[in-house]
Amino acid sequence: MSATEKLMDNRQKLPYYPKGARVGGVIYFPTRTAHINESGHISEKTAQSGRIKGGMEMAEYIRSKKWTLVVFLRFCGLLAVAFPIALSAQIPSVLYPVIYSTDLYYTFIMDNDDPFDAAVLLKSPELDIKGIILDNHTYPSDGEKILEKLMTYADRRVPYVKGLGEFQMRSATDQGLYAANQEGVELTLKTLRESKQKVSLIAVGSLTDFAVALQRDPKLLSEKVSTIYVVAGTLESRVQDWNVKLDPTAFVTVMRSKVPIIWVPVDTSMWYFPAPQLLLPTRNELAHFLLNESLYYYLMLDSQARTHKDRYEYYDLGLRLWSTPAFVMAVHDPAASEMFDIETAKVEFDDDGLIRSVQYGGQNTNVQVVRRVNGAKLNEFIVARINR
């Protein structure tokens, strides 16, 4: 067994980044800073942050400064008053309901971006996550193993269900009544019927469950869905990306519907996220977990290709992301226009989900489409959530 294969044997024990060390009551936290240009490329600088004083050291510091008990208690009182104010300022006044569908897997990992996407979702307090649908197109469907870890480290629990399974729509009117795992469609329809607000649907994977829900109750979706965020397909090339290949008919069914669509194509929305340089694993268990998962993905590919590179070549690798504009818009971030360009368009697809024509602006537009992204700004959005 090669060194790479040995490391893959248990990815939960990968020695990626050690936790912060405590020495003599003092904790040292390494931090990283990076200069990032607009395309997301970086020139890294690494520095050690200041230390955090331990309890005994702080007590000695107070005595050396001749702080009186009265002054110290007054200081604590000010903190007690100020902290709730600061905390309440972080609680959103409005929550936006959302259902999220993802092709997140534990065994059959198709890419290393899916855990990062789910982490950003879970760390978005503006979103009232009504449920997560685990896109179930590939066996074994075991994304709940990663999702459970993500929820633990993000300190947030939400309901989740399995999608329709290894199923593709046979026609644009297929209601999938004969398919296994109906929970995803049922969650979608039940949530829409009971919600007093309009609900956003975000699909980072296939569109199967949302398309089938649309066929079963088109009036409900037209009335209760605010937007379907479609993270699939290509705008500038006639190539089926993976998410479209999972169910081309479902993709086309949604894109031809009358429901408001915001389209995030893979070929105009992808950029580089230098995760090891921007996340703070010594302070944050979620960041630590995500970096380990990304490293495991690269080691898995290395083992499958039998290249057997030195594993340290993978330690500083970031990853490609492209779903984040959907989350930015779902939380109604006021700085969205700084992160990407979006235009209204009339888009037509053939039955395989390939672009046939696109016309920007004008009348009869049927989608909003992300045309360009600012990688540096999107990275700031991600880091602010995962590192918080």
Protein backbone atom coordinates (compact mmCIF):
# COMPACT_ATOMS: atom_id res chain seq x y z
CA MET A 1 0.00 0.00 0.00
CA SER A 2 1.39 3.39 -1.02
CA ALA A 3 1.69 6.34 1.38
CA THR A 4 -1.22 7.97 -0.39
CA GLU A 5 -3.45 4.91 0.00
CA LYS A 6 -2.56 4.62 3.69
CA LEU A 7 -3.70 8.20 4.25
CA MET A 8 -6.94 7.49 2.43
CA ASP A 9 -7.66 4.58 4.75
CA ASN A 10 -9.33 6.90 7.25
CA ARG A 11 -9.82 10.45 6.12
CA GLN A 12 -11.16 11.58 9.45
CA LYS A 13 -7.63 11.15 10.83
CA LEU A 14 -5.73 12.96 8.11
CA PRO A 15 -2.98 15.11 9.65
CA TYR A 16 -3.97 18.16 7.65
CA TYR A 17 -3.82 21.05 10.12
CA PRO A 18 -3.22 20.62 13.84
CA LYS A 19 -5.44 22.33 16.36
CA GLY A 20 -4.13 25.40 18.20
CA ALA A 21 -1.61 24.48 20.87
CA ARG A 22 -2.00 25.57 24.50
CA VAL A 23 1.30 26.19 26.27
CA GLY A 24 1.51 27.53 29.82
CA GLY A 25 -2.04 28.85 29.71
CA VAL A 26 -1.38 30.72 26.47
CA ILE A 27 -2.99 29.83 23.13
CA TYR A 28 -1.18 30.60 19.90
CA PHE A 29 -3.25 30.89 16.73
CA PRO A 30 -1.53 30.95 13.34
CA THR A 31 -3.25 33.20 10.84
CA ARG A 32 -2.82 33.74 7.13
CA THR A 33 -3.20 36.84 5.03
CA ALA A 34 -3.37 36.86 1.28
CA HIS A 35 -3.34 39.41 -1.51
CA ILE A 36 -6.01 38.44 -4.01
CA ASN A 37 -6.64 39.92 -7.40
CA GLU A 38 -10.10 40.08 -8.98
CA SER A 39 -9.74 36.73 -10.74
CA GLY A 40 -9.11 35.00 -7.41
CA HIS A 41 -5.35 34.42 -7.79
CA ILE A 42 -3.25 34.95 -4.70
CA SER A 43 0.22 35.76 -3.49
CA GLU A 44 0.38 34.35 0.00
CA LYS A 45 1.97 35.90 3.07
CA THR A 46 2.00 33.97 6.30
CA ALA A 47 2.38 35.47 9.74
CA GLN A 48 1.76 34.53 13.36
CA SER A 49 -0.95 36.46 15.13
CA GLY A 50 -0.62 37.84 18.63
CA ARG A 51 -1.21 35.45 21.47
CA ILE A 52 -4.22 35.25 23.75
CA LYS A 53 -3.34 35.57 27.40
CA GLY A 54 -4.27 32.75 29.77
CA GLY A 55 -6.14 33.26 33.04
CA MET A 56 -3.11 33.42 35.37
CA GLU A 57 -1.25 35.74 33.04
CA MET A 58 -4.27 38.05 32.76
CA ALA A 59 -4.61 38.18 36.55
CA GLU A 60 -0.96 39.15 36.92
CA TYR A 61 -1.44 41.78 34.22
CA ILE A 62 -4.38 43.28 36.11
CA ARG A 63 -2.40 43.40 39.36
CA SER A 64 0.56 45.00 37.62
CA LYS A 65 -1.69 47.73 36.27
CA LYS A 66 -3.15 48.26 39.80
CA TRP A 67 -6.74 47.73 38.63
CA THR A 68 -9.16 47.95 41.55
CA LEU A 69 -11.99 45.50 41.99
CA VAL A 70 -14.51 48.26 41.37
CA VAL A 71 -12.95 49.23 38.05
CA PHE A 72 -12.73 45.61 36.98
CA LEU A 73 -16.40 44.94 37.84
CA ARG A 74 -17.47 48.06 36.00
CA PHE A 75 -15.51 46.84 32.99
CA CYS A 76 -17.30 43.49 33.18
CA GLY A 77 -20.63 45.27 33.42
CA LEU A 78 -19.90 47.20 30.26
CA LEU A 79 -19.11 43.93 28.49
CA ALA A 80 -22.35 42.39 29.72
CA VAL A 81 -24.31 45.31 28.31
CA ALA A 82 -22.39 45.58 25.04
CA PHE A 83 -22.29 41.90 24.15
CA PRO A 84 -26.07 41.36 23.75
CA ILE A 85 -26.23 44.46 21.57
CA ALA A 86 -23.45 43.18 19.33
CA LEU A 87 -25.04 39.75 19.24
CA SER A 88 -28.50 41.02 18.37
CA ALA A 89 -27.01 43.07 15.55
CA GLN A 90 -25.95 39.80 13.89
CA ILE A 91 -29.45 38.26 14.01
CA PRO A 92 -31.28 38.92 10.70
CA SER A 93 -34.58 40.75 11.01
CA VAL A 94 -35.99 38.81 8.02
CA LEU A 95 -35.47 35.13 7.24
CA TYR A 96 -35.73 33.84 3.69
CA PRO A 97 -37.16 30.30 3.40
CA VAL A 98 -35.23 27.94 1.14
CA ILE A 99 -35.07 24.29 0.08
CA TYR A 100 -31.64 23.06 -1.04
CA SER A 101 -30.95 20.10 -3.34
CA THR A 102 -27.37 18.81 -3.55
CA ASP A 103 -25.41 15.91 -5.02
CA LEU A 104 -23.37 15.57 -1.84
CA TYR A 105 -21.77 12.13 -1.42
CA TYR A 106 -19.45 10.44 1.04
CA THR A 107 -18.21 7.41 -0.91
CA PHE A 108 -18.59 8.42 -4.54
CA ILE A 109 -17.17 11.95 -4.43
CA MET A 110 -17.77 13.71 -7.73
CA ASP A 111 -16.08 16.95 -6.70
CA ASN A 112 -14.76 18.66 -3.60
CA ASP A 113 -16.91 21.77 -3.88
CA ASP A 114 -20.14 20.24 -2.53
CA PRO A 115 -19.15 20.24 1.18
CA PHE A 116 -18.07 23.89 0.86
CA ASP A 117 -21.41 24.82 -0.72
CA ALA A 118 -23.38 23.09 2.03
CA ALA A 119 -21.19 24.77 4.66
CA VAL A 120 -21.94 28.23 3.26
CA LEU A 121 -25.65 27.40 3.27
CA LEU A 122 -25.58 26.24 6.90
CA LYS A 123 -23.58 29.31 7.96
CA SER A 124 -26.06 31.73 6.42
CA PRO A 125 -28.31 32.88 9.31
CA GLU A 126 -30.47 34.85 6.86
CA LEU A 127 -31.84 31.58 5.45
CA ASP A 128 -34.67 29.60 6.99
CA ILE A 129 -33.60 26.19 5.65
CA LYS A 130 -36.80 24.19 5.30
CA GLY A 131 -34.93 21.10 4.21
CA ILE A 132 -32.04 19.63 2.25
CA ILE A 133 -32.64 17.07 -0.50
CA LEU A 134 -29.77 14.65 -1.04
CA ASP A 135 -29.70 14.10 -4.79
CA ASN A 136 -29.72 10.33 -5.02
CA HIS A 137 -28.60 9.62 -8.59
CA THR A 138 -25.47 7.60 -7.81
CA TYR A 139 -25.01 4.50 -5.65
CA PRO A 140 -24.25 4.43 -2.80
CA SER A 141 -26.27 7.48 -1.75
CA ASP A 142 -24.60 8.34 1.53
CA GLY A 143 -24.26 12.11 1.59
CA GLU A 144 -25.85 12.19 5.03
CA LYS A 145 -22.50 11.08 6.50
CA ILE A 146 -20.87 14.32 5.41
CA LEU A 147 -23.99 16.41 6.05
CA GLU A 148 -24.16 15.24 9.66
CA LYS A 149 -20.55 16.32 10.17
CA LEU A 150 -21.19 19.68 8.51
CA MET A 151 -24.22 20.35 10.69
CA THR A 152 -22.25 19.47 13.81
CA TYR A 153 -19.34 21.78 12.98
CA ALA A 154 -21.65 24.56 11.72
CA ASP A 155 -23.69 24.21 14.93
CA ARG A 156 -26.95 24.07 13.01
CA ARG A 157 -29.38 21.25 12.42
CA VAL A 158 -31.89 21.17 9.58
CA PRO A 159 -34.13 18.41 8.20
CA TYR A 160 -32.89 16.39 5.24
CA VAL A 161 -34.32 13.66 3.00
CA LYS A 162 -33.27 11.47 0.08
CA GLY A 163 -34.20 12.45 -3.47
CA LEU A 164 -35.92 10.36 -6.14
CA GLY A 165 -33.05 7.94 -6.53
CA GLU A 166 -31.50 6.56 -9.70
CA PHE A 167 -34.30 8.00 -11.75
CA GLN A 168 -34.56 10.22 -14.82
CA MET A 169 -37.71 11.83 -16.13
CA ARG A 170 -38.98 9.96 -19.20
CA SER A 171 -40.78 13.01 -20.56
CA ALA A 172 -41.46 16.65 -19.67
CA THR A 173 -44.76 15.59 -18.07
CA ASP A 174 -43.37 12.68 -16.04
CA GLN A 175 -44.55 12.92 -12.41
CA GLY A 176 -42.22 10.19 -11.17
CA LEU A 177 -44.96 8.43 -9.22
CA TYR A 178 -43.32 5.05 -9.77
CA ALA A 179 -39.86 6.09 -8.51
CA ALA A 180 -38.32 5.21 -5.16
CA ASN A 181 -37.58 7.80 -2.46
CA GLN A 182 -40.45 10.25 -2.85
CA GLU A 183 -39.39 12.23 0.23
CA GLY A 184 -37.68 15.04 -1.70
CA VAL A 185 -40.74 15.82 -3.84
CA GLU A 186 -43.05 15.48 -0.84
CA LEU A 187 -40.86 17.83 1.24
CA THR A 188 -40.97 20.42 -1.54
CA LEU A 189 -44.74 20.30 -2.02
CA LYS A 190 -45.53 20.20 1.72
CA THR A 191 -43.24 23.14 2.45
CA LEU A 192 -44.77 25.25 -0.30
CA ARG A 193 -48.32 24.49 0.80
CA GLU A 194 -47.62 25.40 4.43
CA SER A 195 -45.34 28.40 3.95
CA LYS A 196 -46.81 31.88 4.36
CA GLN A 197 -43.87 33.29 2.40
CA LYS A 198 -42.61 32.46 -1.03
CA VAL A 199 -39.78 29.90 -0.93
CA SER A 200 -36.54 29.79 -2.91
CA LEU A 201 -35.35 26.50 -4.41
CA ILE A 202 -31.61 26.00 -4.92
CA ALA A 203 -30.44 23.05 -7.03
CA VAL A 204 -26.72 22.22 -6.98
CA GLY A 205 -26.92 18.89 -8.79
CA SER A 206 -29.82 17.52 -10.79
CA LEU A 207 -33.19 19.30 -11.12
CA THR A 208 -35.12 16.03 -10.80
CA ASP A 209 -37.02 16.54 -7.54
CA PHE A 210 -37.94 20.14 -8.31
CA ALA A 211 -39.00 19.32 -11.89
CA VAL A 212 -41.21 16.45 -10.74
CA ALA A 213 -42.77 18.67 -8.05
CA LEU A 214 -43.45 21.21 -10.80
CA GLN A 215 -45.27 18.59 -12.87
CA ARG A 216 -47.39 17.42 -9.96
CA ASP A 217 -48.57 20.89 -8.92
CA PRO A 218 -47.54 23.61 -11.40
CA LYS A 219 -50.00 26.13 -9.94
CA LEU A 220 -48.52 25.73 -6.45
CA LEU A 221 -44.98 26.29 -7.64
CA SER A 222 -45.94 29.28 -9.77
CA GLU A 223 -47.62 30.88 -6.75
CA LYS A 224 -45.28 29.92 -3.88
CA VAL A 225 -41.77 29.73 -5.39
CA SER A 226 -39.92 33.04 -5.40
CA THR A 227 -36.97 31.78 -7.47
CA ILE A 228 -35.38 28.55 -8.62
CA TYR A 229 -31.59 28.89 -8.58
CA VAL A 230 -30.28 26.54 -11.25
CA VAL A 231 -26.59 25.69 -10.75
CA ALA A 232 -26.19 23.55 -13.87
CA GLY A 233 -25.61 23.81 -17.59
CA THR A 234 -23.30 25.76 -19.89
CA LEU A 235 -23.92 29.13 -21.50
CA GLU A 236 -21.00 29.57 -23.88
CA SER A 237 -20.52 26.01 -25.12
CA ARG A 238 -22.76 23.17 -26.25
CA VAL A 239 -21.52 20.69 -23.69
CA GLN A 240 -23.56 18.86 -21.08
CA ASP A 241 -22.06 19.45 -17.66
CA TRP A 242 -22.42 16.77 -14.98
CA ASN A 243 -25.50 18.30 -13.35
CA VAL A 244 -27.41 18.34 -16.64
CA LYS A 245 -26.30 14.80 -17.50
CA LEU A 246 -27.89 13.54 -14.29
CA ASP A 247 -31.32 14.33 -15.76
CA PRO A 248 -31.44 16.39 -18.99
CA THR A 249 -35.24 16.33 -19.17
CA ALA A 250 -35.57 17.69 -15.64
CA PHE A 251 -33.15 20.53 -16.46
CA VAL A 252 -35.04 21.45 -19.62
CA THR A 253 -38.42 21.18 -17.86
CA VAL A 254 -37.40 23.71 -15.22
CA MET A 255 -35.65 26.06 -17.64
CA ARG A 256 -38.73 26.16 -19.91
CA SER A 257 -41.13 26.76 -17.02
CA LYS A 258 -42.78 30.04 -16.05
CA VAL A 259 -41.26 30.02 -12.57
CA PRO A 260 -38.64 32.80 -12.01
CA ILE A 261 -35.19 31.36 -12.79
CA ILE A 262 -31.74 32.58 -11.83
CA TRP A 263 -29.24 30.56 -13.82
CA VAL A 264 -25.64 30.01 -12.65
CA PRO A 265 -23.86 28.31 -15.61
CA VAL A 266 -20.64 26.43 -14.97
CA ASP A 267 -18.62 28.07 -17.77
CA THR A 268 -19.30 31.70 -16.76
CA SER A 269 -19.44 31.31 -12.98
CA MET A 270 -16.39 29.27 -11.96
CA TRP A 271 -13.39 30.68 -10.12
CA TYR A 272 -10.57 29.52 -7.83
CA PHE A 273 -10.96 29.46 -4.06
CA PRO A 274 -7.57 29.17 -2.25
CA ALA A 275 -9.05 27.42 0.77
CA PRO A 276 -5.82 26.51 2.64
CA GLN A 277 -4.67 30.12 2.49
CA LEU A 278 -7.96 31.75 3.52
CA LEU A 279 -9.63 29.47 6.06
CA LEU A 280 -8.60 29.31 9.72
CA PRO A 281 -8.63 25.64 10.73
CA THR A 282 -6.95 26.25 14.09
CA ARG A 283 -9.86 28.41 15.21
CA ASN A 284 -12.71 26.74 13.42
CA GLU A 285 -13.68 23.05 13.36
CA LEU A 286 -15.79 23.55 10.24
CA ALA A 287 -12.83 24.96 8.32
CA HIS A 288 -10.64 22.13 9.62
CA PHE A 289 -13.15 19.54 8.38
CA LEU A 290 -13.56 21.16 4.95
CA LEU A 291 -9.82 21.28 4.36
CA ASN A 292 -9.48 17.62 5.32
CA GLU A 293 -12.29 16.68 2.91
CA SER A 294 -10.66 18.61 0.08
CA LEU A 295 -7.30 16.98 0.74
CA TYR A 296 -8.92 13.55 0.83
CA TYR A 297 -10.51 14.23 -2.56
CA TYR A 298 -7.13 14.98 -4.14
CA LEU A 299 -5.52 11.92 -2.53
CA MET A 300 -8.40 9.77 -3.76
CA LEU A 301 -7.89 11.00 -7.33
CA ASP A 302 -4.16 10.39 -6.96
CA SER A 303 -4.77 6.81 -5.89
CA GLN A 304 -7.27 6.16 -8.69
CA ALA A 305 -4.87 7.53 -11.30
CA ARG A 306 -1.94 5.65 -9.69
CA THR A 307 0.26 8.73 -9.97
CA HIS A 308 1.43 8.41 -6.33
CA LYS A 309 2.69 11.95 -6.01
CA ASP A 310 4.23 13.22 -2.82
CA ARG A 311 1.13 14.01 -0.73
CA TYR A 312 2.57 17.37 0.32
CA GLU A 313 2.00 18.58 -3.25
CA TYR A 314 -1.72 18.54 -2.47
CA TYR A 315 -1.65 20.32 0.90
CA ASP A 316 -1.81 23.86 -0.48
CA LEU A 317 -4.27 23.19 -3.32
CA GLY A 318 -7.50 25.14 -3.35
CA LEU A 319 -10.52 24.24 -5.43
CA ARG A 320 -12.89 25.51 -8.10
CA LEU A 321 -16.25 26.85 -6.97
CA TRP A 322 -19.25 28.10 -8.93
CA SER A 323 -22.43 27.80 -6.84
CA THR A 324 -21.85 30.72 -4.48
CA PRO A 325 -23.70 33.41 -6.51
CA ALA A 326 -26.91 31.48 -5.77
CA PHE A 327 -26.32 31.80 -2.01
CA VAL A 328 -25.39 35.48 -2.33
CA MET A 329 -28.71 36.22 -4.03
CA ALA A 330 -30.72 33.92 -1.75
CA VAL A 331 -29.58 35.90 1.33
CA HIS A 332 -30.24 39.19 -0.52
CA ASP A 333 -26.70 40.43 0.03
CA PRO A 334 -26.62 44.15 -0.84
CA ALA A 335 -23.10 43.79 -2.24
CA ALA A 336 -24.11 41.16 -4.81
CA SER A 337 -23.39 43.50 -7.74
CA GLU A 338 -19.74 43.66 -6.64
CA MET A 339 -19.42 39.86 -6.73
CA PHE A 340 -20.86 39.06 -10.16
CA ASP A 341 -22.68 40.45 -13.19
CA ILE A 342 -26.18 39.21 -13.89
CA GLU A 343 -28.37 39.95 -16.91
CA THR A 344 -31.89 39.15 -18.02
CA ALA A 345 -32.05 36.96 -21.12
CA LYS A 346 -34.28 34.86 -23.30
CA VAL A 347 -32.64 31.44 -23.41
CA GLU A 348 -33.66 28.40 -25.42
CA PHE A 349 -32.42 24.83 -24.98
CA ASP A 350 -32.72 21.68 -27.01
CA ASP A 351 -34.12 18.51 -25.43
CA ASP A 352 -30.65 17.43 -24.25
CA GLY A 353 -30.20 20.59 -22.18
CA LEU A 354 -27.75 22.20 -24.58
CA ILE A 355 -27.94 25.91 -25.31
CA ARG A 356 -29.69 26.69 -28.58
CA SER A 357 -29.91 30.49 -28.45
CA VAL A 358 -29.59 33.40 -26.01
CA GLN A 359 -30.71 37.01 -26.35
CA TYR A 360 -29.92 39.53 -23.63
CA GLY A 361 -32.35 42.24 -22.54
CA GLY A 362 -35.41 43.19 -24.50
CA GLN A 363 -38.83 41.65 -24.07
CA ASN A 364 -39.94 38.11 -23.25
CA THR A 365 -36.87 37.31 -21.16
CA ASN A 366 -37.28 34.11 -19.15
CA VAL A 367 -34.16 33.91 -16.94
CA GLN A 368 -31.54 35.96 -15.14
CA VAL A 369 -28.11 34.59 -15.94
CA VAL A 370 -24.75 35.08 -14.21
CA ARG A 371 -22.33 36.29 -16.90
CA ARG A 372 -19.11 37.03 -14.98
CA VAL A 373 -17.84 36.62 -11.42
CA ASN A 374 -15.41 38.51 -9.20
CA GLY A 375 -13.50 35.71 -7.50
CA ALA A 376 -11.92 37.89 -4.82
CA LYS A 377 -15.25 39.29 -3.65
CA LEU A 378 -16.91 35.87 -3.65
CA ASN A 379 -14.00 34.51 -1.62
CA GLU A 380 -14.59 37.24 0.96
CA PHE A 381 -18.25 36.24 1.17
CA ILE A 382 -17.37 32.57 1.76
CA VAL A 383 -14.59 33.24 4.28
CA ALA A 384 -16.76 35.63 6.31
CA ARG A 385 -19.28 32.84 6.81
CA ILE A 386 -17.12 29.77 7.31
CA ASN A 387 -14.59 31.52 9.56
CA ARG A 388 -17.20 33.25 11.74
